[in-house]
Amino acid sequence: AAINIGVNVGMLPAKGMTLPLISYGGSSILAMGFTAGLLL
């Protein structure tokens, strides 16, 4: 999340990284949901 937001506000170079659970993307949102489930 910090990398994505940093890119959006110009603090980091573009990296093509999604914002967890918010950005569009099947692989990203499914994998992040799995990560959240493991953390819970």
ModelCIF file with pLDDT and N, C-alpha, C, O atoms, coordinates in Angstrom:
data_MODEL
#
_entry.id   MODEL 
#
_entity.id                         1 
_entity.type                       polymer 
_entity.pdbx_number_of_molecules   1 
#
_entity_poly.entity_id                      1 
_entity_poly.type                           'polypeptide(L)' 
_entity_poly.nstd_linkage                   no 
_entity_poly.nstd_monomer                   no 
_entity_poly.pdbx_seq_one_letter_code       AAINIGVNVGMLPAKGMTLPLISYGGSSILAMGFTAGLLL 
_entity_poly.pdbx_seq_one_letter_code_can   AAINIGVNVGMLPAKGMTLPLISYGGSSILAMGFTAGLLL 
_entity_poly.pdbx_strand_id                 A 
#
loop_
_entity_poly_seq.entity_id 
_entity_poly_seq.num 
_entity_poly_seq.mon_id 
_entity_poly_seq.hetero 
1 1  ALA n 
1 2  ALA n 
1 3  ILE n 
1 4  ASN n 
1 5  ILE n 
1 6  GLY n 
1 7  VAL n 
1 8  ASN n 
1 9  VAL n 
1 10 GLY n 
1 11 MET n 
1 12 LEU n 
1 13 PRO n 
1 14 ALA n 
1 15 LYS n 
1 16 GLY n 
1 17 MET n 
1 18 THR n 
1 19 LEU n 
1 20 PRO n 
1 21 LEU n 
1 22 ILE n 
1 23 SER n 
1 24 TYR n 
1 25 GLY n 
1 26 GLY n 
1 27 SER n 
1 28 SER n 
1 29 ILE n 
1 30 LEU n 
1 31 ALA n 
1 32 MET n 
1 33 GLY n 
1 34 PHE n 
1 35 THR n 
1 36 ALA n 
1 37 GLY n 
1 38 LEU n 
1 39 LEU n 
1 40 LEU n 
#
_struct_asym.id          A 
_struct_asym.entity_id   1 
#
loop_
_ma_qa_metric.id 
_ma_qa_metric.mode 
_ma_qa_metric.name 
_ma_qa_metric.software_group_id 
_ma_qa_metric.type 
1 global pLDDT . pLDDT 
2 local  pLDDT . pLDDT 
#
_ma_qa_metric_global.metric_id      1 
_ma_qa_metric_global.metric_value   90.67 
_ma_qa_metric_global.model_id       1 
_ma_qa_metric_global.ordinal_id     1 
#
loop_
_ma_qa_metric_local.label_asym_id 
_ma_qa_metric_local.label_comp_id 
_ma_qa_metric_local.label_seq_id 
_ma_qa_metric_local.metric_id 
_ma_qa_metric_local.metric_value 
_ma_qa_metric_local.model_id 
_ma_qa_metric_local.ordinal_id 
A ALA 1  2 96.00 1 1  
A ALA 2  2 94.00 1 2  
A ILE 3  2 93.00 1 3  
A ASN 4  2 93.00 1 4  
A ILE 5  2 94.00 1 5  
A GLY 6  2 91.00 1 6  
A VAL 7  2 89.00 1 7  
A ASN 8  2 90.00 1 8  
A VAL 9  2 87.00 1 9  
A GLY 10 2 82.00 1 10 
A MET 11 2 82.00 1 11 
A LEU 12 2 83.00 1 12 
A PRO 13 2 79.00 1 13 
A ALA 14 2 75.00 1 14 
A LYS 15 2 75.00 1 15 
A GLY 16 2 75.00 1 16 
A MET 17 2 87.00 1 17 
A THR 18 2 91.00 1 18 
A LEU 19 2 94.00 1 19 
A PRO 20 2 94.00 1 20 
A LEU 21 2 94.00 1 21 
A ILE 22 2 94.00 1 22 
A SER 23 2 93.00 1 23 
A TYR 24 2 92.00 1 24 
A GLY 25 2 87.00 1 25 
A GLY 26 2 86.00 1 26 
A SER 27 2 90.00 1 27 
A SER 28 2 93.00 1 28 
A ILE 29 2 95.00 1 29 
A LEU 30 2 95.00 1 30 
A ALA 31 2 95.00 1 31 
A MET 32 2 96.00 1 32 
A GLY 33 2 96.00 1 33 
A PHE 34 2 97.00 1 34 
A THR 35 2 97.00 1 35 
A ALA 36 2 97.00 1 36 
A GLY 37 2 96.00 1 37 
A LEU 38 2 97.00 1 38 
A LEU 39 2 97.00 1 39 
A LEU 40 2 96.00 1 40 
#
loop_
_atom_site.group_PDB 
_atom_site.id 
_atom_site.type_symbol 
_atom_site.label_atom_id 
_atom_site.label_alt_id 
_atom_site.label_comp_id 
_atom_site.label_asym_id 
_atom_site.label_entity_id 
_atom_site.label_seq_id 
_atom_site.pdbx_PDB_ins_code 
_atom_site.Cartn_x 
_atom_site.Cartn_y 
_atom_site.Cartn_z 
_atom_site.occupancy 
_atom_site.B_iso_or_equiv 
_atom_site.pdbx_formal_charge 
_atom_site.auth_seq_id 
_atom_site.auth_comp_id 
_atom_site.auth_asym_id 
_atom_site.auth_atom_id 
_atom_site.pdbx_PDB_model_num 
ATOM 1   N N  . ALA A 1 1  ? 0.839   -1.212  0.000   1.00 96.00 ? 1  ALA A N  1 
ATOM 2   C CA . ALA A 1 1  ? 0.000   0.000   0.000   1.00 96.00 ? 1  ALA A CA 1 
ATOM 3   C C  . ALA A 1 1  ? 0.866   1.250   0.000   1.00 96.00 ? 1  ALA A C  1 
ATOM 4   O O  . ALA A 1 1  ? 0.570   2.213   -0.708  1.00 96.00 ? 1  ALA A O  1 
ATOM 5   N N  . ALA A 1 2  ? 1.929   1.240   0.788   1.00 94.00 ? 2  ALA A N  1 
ATOM 6   C CA . ALA A 1 2  ? 2.807   2.413   0.862   1.00 94.00 ? 2  ALA A CA 1 
ATOM 7   C C  . ALA A 1 2  ? 3.490   2.675   -0.476  1.00 94.00 ? 2  ALA A C  1 
ATOM 8   O O  . ALA A 1 2  ? 3.636   3.826   -0.887  1.00 94.00 ? 2  ALA A O  1 
ATOM 9   N N  . ILE A 1 3  ? 3.908   1.605   -1.157  1.00 93.00 ? 3  ILE A N  1 
ATOM 10  C CA . ILE A 1 3  ? 4.551   1.774   -2.463  1.00 93.00 ? 3  ILE A CA 1 
ATOM 11  C C  . ILE A 1 3  ? 3.564   2.343   -3.471  1.00 93.00 ? 3  ILE A C  1 
ATOM 12  O O  . ILE A 1 3  ? 3.891   3.276   -4.204  1.00 93.00 ? 3  ILE A O  1 
ATOM 13  N N  . ASN A 1 4  ? 2.358   1.786   -3.514  1.00 93.00 ? 4  ASN A N  1 
ATOM 14  C CA . ASN A 1 4  ? 1.356   2.265   -4.467  1.00 93.00 ? 4  ASN A CA 1 
ATOM 15  C C  . ASN A 1 4  ? 1.016   3.735   -4.222  1.00 93.00 ? 4  ASN A C  1 
ATOM 16  O O  . ASN A 1 4  ? 0.986   4.533   -5.160  1.00 93.00 ? 4  ASN A O  1 
ATOM 17  N N  . ILE A 1 5  ? 0.761   4.091   -2.969  1.00 94.00 ? 5  ILE A N  1 
ATOM 18  C CA . ILE A 1 5  ? 0.409   5.473   -2.650  1.00 94.00 ? 5  ILE A CA 1 
ATOM 19  C C  . ILE A 1 5  ? 1.597   6.391   -2.910  1.00 94.00 ? 5  ILE A C  1 
ATOM 20  O O  . ILE A 1 5  ? 1.422   7.511   -3.391  1.00 94.00 ? 5  ILE A O  1 
ATOM 21  N N  . GLY A 1 6  ? 2.807   5.925   -2.593  1.00 91.00 ? 6  GLY A N  1 
ATOM 22  C CA . GLY A 1 6  ? 4.002   6.720   -2.860  1.00 91.00 ? 6  GLY A CA 1 
ATOM 23  C C  . GLY A 1 6  ? 4.175   7.030   -4.334  1.00 91.00 ? 6  GLY A C  1 
ATOM 24  O O  . GLY A 1 6  ? 4.584   8.135   -4.693  1.00 91.00 ? 6  GLY A O  1 
ATOM 25  N N  . VAL A 1 7  ? 3.866   6.062   -5.195  1.00 89.00 ? 7  VAL A N  1 
ATOM 26  C CA . VAL A 1 7  ? 3.934   6.295   -6.640  1.00 89.00 ? 7  VAL A CA 1 
ATOM 27  C C  . VAL A 1 7  ? 2.877   7.303   -7.062  1.00 89.00 ? 7  VAL A C  1 
ATOM 28  O O  . VAL A 1 7  ? 3.150   8.195   -7.866  1.00 89.00 ? 7  VAL A O  1 
ATOM 29  N N  . ASN A 1 8  ? 1.663   7.164   -6.520  1.00 90.00 ? 8  ASN A N  1 
ATOM 30  C CA . ASN A 1 8  ? 0.567   8.057   -6.897  1.00 90.00 ? 8  ASN A CA 1 
ATOM 31  C C  . ASN A 1 8  ? 0.837   9.507   -6.528  1.00 90.00 ? 8  ASN A C  1 
ATOM 32  O O  . ASN A 1 8  ? 0.433   10.416  -7.253  1.00 90.00 ? 8  ASN A O  1 
ATOM 33  N N  . VAL A 1 9  ? 1.515   9.733   -5.410  1.00 87.00 ? 9  VAL A N  1 
ATOM 34  C CA . VAL A 1 9  ? 1.768   11.111  -4.978  1.00 87.00 ? 9  VAL A CA 1 
ATOM 35  C C  . VAL A 1 9  ? 3.139   11.607  -5.427  1.00 87.00 ? 9  VAL A C  1 
ATOM 36  O O  . VAL A 1 9  ? 3.551   12.704  -5.050  1.00 87.00 ? 9  VAL A O  1 
ATOM 37  N N  . GLY A 1 10 ? 3.854   10.810  -6.232  1.00 82.00 ? 10 GLY A N  1 
ATOM 38  C CA . GLY A 1 10 ? 5.118   11.243  -6.803  1.00 82.00 ? 10 GLY A CA 1 
ATOM 39  C C  . GLY A 1 10 ? 6.323   11.091  -5.911  1.00 82.00 ? 10 GLY A C  1 
ATOM 40  O O  . GLY A 1 10 ? 7.363   11.689  -6.188  1.00 82.00 ? 10 GLY A O  1 
ATOM 41  N N  . MET A 1 11 ? 6.224   10.303  -4.835  1.00 82.00 ? 11 MET A N  1 
ATOM 42  C CA . MET A 1 11 ? 7.346   10.120  -3.923  1.00 82.00 ? 11 MET A CA 1 
ATOM 43  C C  . MET A 1 11 ? 8.226   8.930   -4.313  1.00 82.00 ? 11 MET A C  1 
ATOM 44  O O  . MET A 1 11 ? 9.349   8.802   -3.826  1.00 82.00 ? 11 MET A O  1 
ATOM 45  N N  . LEU A 1 12 ? 7.715   8.057   -5.195  1.00 83.00 ? 12 LEU A N  1 
ATOM 46  C CA . LEU A 1 12 ? 8.458   6.875   -5.627  1.00 83.00 ? 12 LEU A CA 1 
ATOM 47  C C  . LEU A 1 12 ? 8.328   6.732   -7.137  1.00 83.00 ? 12 LEU A C  1 
ATOM 48  O O  . LEU A 1 12 ? 7.341   7.191   -7.712  1.00 83.00 ? 12 LEU A O  1 
ATOM 49  N N  . PRO A 1 13 ? 9.302   6.106   -7.789  1.00 79.00 ? 13 PRO A N  1 
ATOM 50  C CA . PRO A 1 13 ? 9.160   5.847   -9.232  1.00 79.00 ? 13 PRO A CA 1 
ATOM 51  C C  . PRO A 1 13 ? 8.078   4.813   -9.491  1.00 79.00 ? 13 PRO A C  1 
ATOM 52  O O  . PRO A 1 13 ? 7.816   3.957   -8.646  1.00 79.00 ? 13 PRO A O  1 
ATOM 53  N N  . ALA A 1 14 ? 7.449   4.890   -10.656 1.00 75.00 ? 14 ALA A N  1 
ATOM 54  C CA . ALA A 1 14 ? 6.355   3.975   -11.005 1.00 75.00 ? 14 ALA A CA 1 
ATOM 55  C C  . ALA A 1 14 ? 6.839   2.535   -10.981 1.00 75.00 ? 14 ALA A C  1 
ATOM 56  O O  . ALA A 1 14 ? 7.917   2.217   -11.485 1.00 75.00 ? 14 ALA A O  1 
ATOM 57  N N  . LYS A 1 15 ? 6.003   1.647   -10.372 1.00 75.00 ? 15 LYS A N  1 
ATOM 58  C CA . LYS A 1 15 ? 6.395   0.243   -10.241 1.00 75.00 ? 15 LYS A CA 1 
ATOM 59  C C  . LYS A 1 15 ? 5.330   -0.716  -10.729 1.00 75.00 ? 15 LYS A C  1 
ATOM 60  O O  . LYS A 1 15 ? 5.582   -1.920  -10.779 1.00 75.00 ? 15 LYS A O  1 
ATOM 61  N N  . GLY A 1 16 ? 4.152   -0.237  -11.092 1.00 75.00 ? 16 GLY A N  1 
ATOM 62  C CA . GLY A 1 16 ? 3.107   -1.135  -11.550 1.00 75.00 ? 16 GLY A CA 1 
ATOM 63  C C  . GLY A 1 16 ? 2.575   -2.021  -10.446 1.00 75.00 ? 16 GLY A C  1 
ATOM 64  O O  . GLY A 1 16 ? 2.334   -3.207  -10.674 1.00 75.00 ? 16 GLY A O  1 
ATOM 65  N N  . MET A 1 17 ? 2.384   -1.475  -9.248  1.00 87.00 ? 17 MET A N  1 
ATOM 66  C CA . MET A 1 17 ? 1.918   -2.245  -8.098  1.00 87.00 ? 17 MET A CA 1 
ATOM 67  C C  . MET A 1 17 ? 0.542   -1.756  -7.681  1.00 87.00 ? 17 MET A C  1 
ATOM 68  O O  . MET A 1 17 ? 0.291   -0.551  -7.650  1.00 87.00 ? 17 MET A O  1 
ATOM 69  N N  . THR A 1 18 ? -0.352  -2.687  -7.361  1.00 91.00 ? 18 THR A N  1 
ATOM 70  C CA . THR A 1 18 ? -1.734  -2.342  -7.060  1.00 91.00 ? 18 THR A CA 1 
ATOM 71  C C  . THR A 1 18 ? -1.904  -1.922  -5.603  1.00 91.00 ? 18 THR A C  1 
ATOM 72  O O  . THR A 1 18 ? -1.051  -2.199  -4.760  1.00 91.00 ? 18 THR A O  1 
ATOM 73  N N  . LEU A 1 19 ? -3.017  -1.252  -5.323  1.00 94.00 ? 19 LEU A N  1 
ATOM 74  C CA . LEU A 1 19 ? -3.388  -0.874  -3.964  1.00 94.00 ? 19 LEU A CA 1 
ATOM 75  C C  . LEU A 1 19 ? -4.240  -2.003  -3.384  1.00 94.00 ? 19 LEU A C  1 
ATOM 76  O O  . LEU A 1 19 ? -5.318  -2.277  -3.912  1.00 94.00 ? 19 LEU A O  1 
ATOM 77  N N  . PRO A 1 20 ? -3.794  -2.665  -2.318  1.00 94.00 ? 20 PRO A N  1 
ATOM 78  C CA . PRO A 1 20 ? -4.469  -3.860  -1.806  1.00 94.00 ? 20 PRO A CA 1 
ATOM 79  C C  . PRO A 1 20 ? -5.958  -3.680  -1.574  1.00 94.00 ? 20 PRO A C  1 
ATOM 80  O O  . PRO A 1 20 ? -6.395  -2.733  -0.921  1.00 94.00 ? 20 PRO A O  1 
ATOM 81  N N  . LEU A 1 21 ? -6.738  -4.624  -2.132  1.00 94.00 ? 21 LEU A N  1 
ATOM 82  C CA . LEU A 1 21 ? -8.187  -4.721  -1.973  1.00 94.00 ? 21 LEU A CA 1 
ATOM 83  C C  . LEU A 1 21 ? -8.965  -3.560  -2.595  1.00 94.00 ? 21 LEU A C  1 
ATOM 84  O O  . LEU A 1 21 ? -10.190 -3.520  -2.489  1.00 94.00 ? 21 LEU A O  1 
ATOM 85  N N  . ILE A 1 22 ? -8.285  -2.626  -3.233  1.00 94.00 ? 22 ILE A N  1 
ATOM 86  C CA . ILE A 1 22 ? -8.969  -1.489  -3.843  1.00 94.00 ? 22 ILE A CA 1 
ATOM 87  C C  . ILE A 1 22 ? -8.781  -1.484  -5.355  1.00 94.00 ? 22 ILE A C  1 
ATOM 88  O O  . ILE A 1 22 ? -9.739  -1.270  -6.098  1.00 94.00 ? 22 ILE A O  1 
ATOM 89  N N  . SER A 1 23 ? -7.568  -1.714  -5.813  1.00 93.00 ? 23 SER A N  1 
ATOM 90  C CA . SER A 1 23 ? -7.301  -1.706  -7.254  1.00 93.00 ? 23 SER A CA 1 
ATOM 91  C C  . SER A 1 23 ? -8.004  -2.855  -7.954  1.00 93.00 ? 23 SER A C  1 
ATOM 92  O O  . SER A 1 23 ? -8.245  -3.911  -7.369  1.00 93.00 ? 23 SER A O  1 
ATOM 93  N N  . TYR A 1 24 ? -8.326  -2.627  -9.220  1.00 92.00 ? 24 TYR A N  1 
ATOM 94  C CA . TYR A 1 24 ? -8.865  -3.689  -10.073 1.00 92.00 ? 24 TYR A CA 1 
ATOM 95  C C  . TYR A 1 24 ? -7.753  -4.683  -10.392 1.00 92.00 ? 24 TYR A C  1 
ATOM 96  O O  . TYR A 1 24 ? -6.597  -4.303  -10.575 1.00 92.00 ? 24 TYR A O  1 
ATOM 97  N N  . GLY A 1 25 ? -8.120  -5.954  -10.457 1.00 87.00 ? 25 GLY A N  1 
ATOM 98  C CA . GLY A 1 25 ? -7.150  -6.986  -10.820 1.00 87.00 ? 25 GLY A CA 1 
ATOM 99  C C  . GLY A 1 25 ? -7.480  -8.288  -10.118 1.00 87.00 ? 25 GLY A C  1 
ATOM 100 O O  . GLY A 1 25 ? -7.444  -8.353  -8.889  1.00 87.00 ? 25 GLY A O  1 
ATOM 101 N N  . GLY A 1 26 ? -7.801  -9.326  -10.877 1.00 86.00 ? 26 GLY A N  1 
ATOM 102 C CA . GLY A 1 26 ? -8.199  -10.593 -10.282 1.00 86.00 ? 26 GLY A CA 1 
ATOM 103 C C  . GLY A 1 26 ? -7.127  -11.205 -9.416  1.00 86.00 ? 26 GLY A C  1 
ATOM 104 O O  . GLY A 1 26 ? -7.386  -11.558 -8.265  1.00 86.00 ? 26 GLY A O  1 
ATOM 105 N N  . SER A 1 27 ? -5.926  -11.338 -9.950  1.00 90.00 ? 27 SER A N  1 
ATOM 106 C CA . SER A 1 27 ? -4.840  -11.959 -9.191  1.00 90.00 ? 27 SER A CA 1 
ATOM 107 C C  . SER A 1 27 ? -4.539  -11.157 -7.933  1.00 90.00 ? 27 SER A C  1 
ATOM 108 O O  . SER A 1 27 ? -4.331  -11.730 -6.863  1.00 90.00 ? 27 SER A O  1 
ATOM 109 N N  . SER A 1 28 ? -4.515  -9.849  -8.058  1.00 93.00 ? 28 SER A N  1 
ATOM 110 C CA . SER A 1 28 ? -4.171  -8.993  -6.923  1.00 93.00 ? 28 SER A CA 1 
ATOM 111 C C  . SER A 1 28 ? -5.190  -9.106  -5.809  1.00 93.00 ? 28 SER A C  1 
ATOM 112 O O  . SER A 1 28 ? -4.819  -9.311  -4.653  1.00 93.00 ? 28 SER A O  1 
ATOM 113 N N  . ILE A 1 29 ? -6.475  -8.975  -6.135  1.00 95.00 ? 29 ILE A N  1 
ATOM 114 C CA . ILE A 1 29 ? -7.485  -8.948  -5.080  1.00 95.00 ? 29 ILE A CA 1 
ATOM 115 C C  . ILE A 1 29 ? -7.684  -10.334 -4.476  1.00 95.00 ? 29 ILE A C  1 
ATOM 116 O O  . ILE A 1 29 ? -7.901  -10.448 -3.270  1.00 95.00 ? 29 ILE A O  1 
ATOM 117 N N  . LEU A 1 30 ? -7.615  -11.396 -5.290  1.00 95.00 ? 30 LEU A N  1 
ATOM 118 C CA . LEU A 1 30 ? -7.761  -12.753 -4.758  1.00 95.00 ? 30 LEU A CA 1 
ATOM 119 C C  . LEU A 1 30 ? -6.588  -13.103 -3.844  1.00 95.00 ? 30 LEU A C  1 
ATOM 120 O O  . LEU A 1 30 ? -6.788  -13.647 -2.758  1.00 95.00 ? 30 LEU A O  1 
ATOM 121 N N  . ALA A 1 31 ? -5.369  -12.793 -4.278  1.00 95.00 ? 31 ALA A N  1 
ATOM 122 C CA . ALA A 1 31 ? -4.192  -13.092 -3.461  1.00 95.00 ? 31 ALA A CA 1 
ATOM 123 C C  . ALA A 1 31 ? -4.182  -12.259 -2.184  1.00 95.00 ? 31 ALA A C  1 
ATOM 124 O O  . ALA A 1 31 ? -3.787  -12.750 -1.126  1.00 95.00 ? 31 ALA A O  1 
ATOM 125 N N  . MET A 1 32 ? -4.615  -11.002 -2.277  1.00 96.00 ? 32 MET A N  1 
ATOM 126 C CA . MET A 1 32 ? -4.641  -10.169 -1.084  1.00 96.00 ? 32 MET A CA 1 
ATOM 127 C C  . MET A 1 32 ? -5.722  -10.643 -0.115  1.00 96.00 ? 32 MET A C  1 
ATOM 128 O O  . MET A 1 32 ? -5.543  -10.557 1.100   1.00 96.00 ? 32 MET A O  1 
ATOM 129 N N  . GLY A 1 33 ? -6.843  -11.142 -0.643  1.00 96.00 ? 33 GLY A N  1 
ATOM 130 C CA . GLY A 1 33 ? -7.857  -11.726 0.220   1.00 96.00 ? 33 GLY A CA 1 
ATOM 131 C C  . GLY A 1 33 ? -7.339  -12.961 0.942   1.00 96.00 ? 33 GLY A C  1 
ATOM 132 O O  . GLY A 1 33 ? -7.640  -13.174 2.117   1.00 96.00 ? 33 GLY A O  1 
ATOM 133 N N  . PHE A 1 34 ? -6.559  -13.775 0.234   1.00 97.00 ? 34 PHE A N  1 
ATOM 134 C CA . PHE A 1 34 ? -5.939  -14.951 0.842   1.00 97.00 ? 34 PHE A CA 1 
ATOM 135 C C  . PHE A 1 34 ? -4.958  -14.526 1.936   1.00 97.00 ? 34 PHE A C  1 
ATOM 136 O O  . PHE A 1 34 ? -4.905  -15.139 3.003   1.00 97.00 ? 34 PHE A O  1 
ATOM 137 N N  . THR A 1 35 ? -4.191  -13.482 1.666   1.00 97.00 ? 35 THR A N  1 
ATOM 138 C CA . THR A 1 35 ? -3.256  -12.949 2.658   1.00 97.00 ? 35 THR A CA 1 
ATOM 139 C C  . THR A 1 35 ? -4.008  -12.455 3.893   1.00 97.00 ? 35 THR A C  1 
ATOM 140 O O  . THR A 1 35 ? -3.586  -12.704 5.023   1.00 97.00 ? 35 THR A O  1 
ATOM 141 N N  . ALA A 1 36 ? -5.122  -11.753 3.675   1.00 97.00 ? 36 ALA A N  1 
ATOM 142 C CA . ALA A 1 36 ? -5.930  -11.270 4.796   1.00 97.00 ? 36 ALA A CA 1 
ATOM 143 C C  . ALA A 1 36 ? -6.488  -12.433 5.598   1.00 97.00 ? 36 ALA A C  1 
ATOM 144 O O  . ALA A 1 36 ? -6.512  -12.382 6.828   1.00 97.00 ? 36 ALA A O  1 
ATOM 145 N N  . GLY A 1 37 ? -6.937  -13.482 4.917   1.00 96.00 ? 37 GLY A N  1 
ATOM 146 C CA . GLY A 1 37 ? -7.455  -14.653 5.613   1.00 96.00 ? 37 GLY A CA 1 
ATOM 147 C C  . GLY A 1 37 ? -6.410  -15.313 6.485   1.00 96.00 ? 37 GLY A C  1 
ATOM 148 O O  . GLY A 1 37 ? -6.700  -15.706 7.615   1.00 96.00 ? 37 GLY A O  1 
ATOM 149 N N  . LEU A 1 38 ? -5.188  -15.441 5.970   1.00 97.00 ? 38 LEU A N  1 
ATOM 150 C CA . LEU A 1 38 ? -4.100  -16.017 6.766   1.00 97.00 ? 38 LEU A CA 1 
ATOM 151 C C  . LEU A 1 38 ? -3.787  -15.153 7.983   1.00 97.00 ? 38 LEU A C  1 
ATOM 152 O O  . LEU A 1 38 ? -3.534  -15.675 9.068   1.00 97.00 ? 38 LEU A O  1 
ATOM 153 N N  . LEU A 1 39 ? -3.804  -13.829 7.802   1.00 97.00 ? 39 LEU A N  1 
ATOM 154 C CA . LEU A 1 39 ? -3.524  -12.934 8.922   1.00 97.00 ? 39 LEU A CA 1 
ATOM 155 C C  . LEU A 1 39 ? -4.615  -13.047 9.988   1.00 97.00 ? 39 LEU A C  1 
ATOM 156 O O  . LEU A 1 39 ? -4.319  -13.011 11.182  1.00 97.00 ? 39 LEU A O  1 
ATOM 157 N N  . LEU A 1 40 ? -5.872  -13.185 9.562   1.00 96.00 ? 40 LEU A N  1 
ATOM 158 C CA . LEU A 1 40 ? -6.967  -13.344 10.520  1.00 96.00 ? 40 LEU A CA 1 
ATOM 159 C C  . LEU A 1 40 ? -6.842  -14.657 11.292  1.00 96.00 ? 40 LEU A C  1 
ATOM 160 O O  . LEU A 1 40 ? -7.680  -14.956 12.143  1.00 96.00 ? 40 LEU A O  1 
#
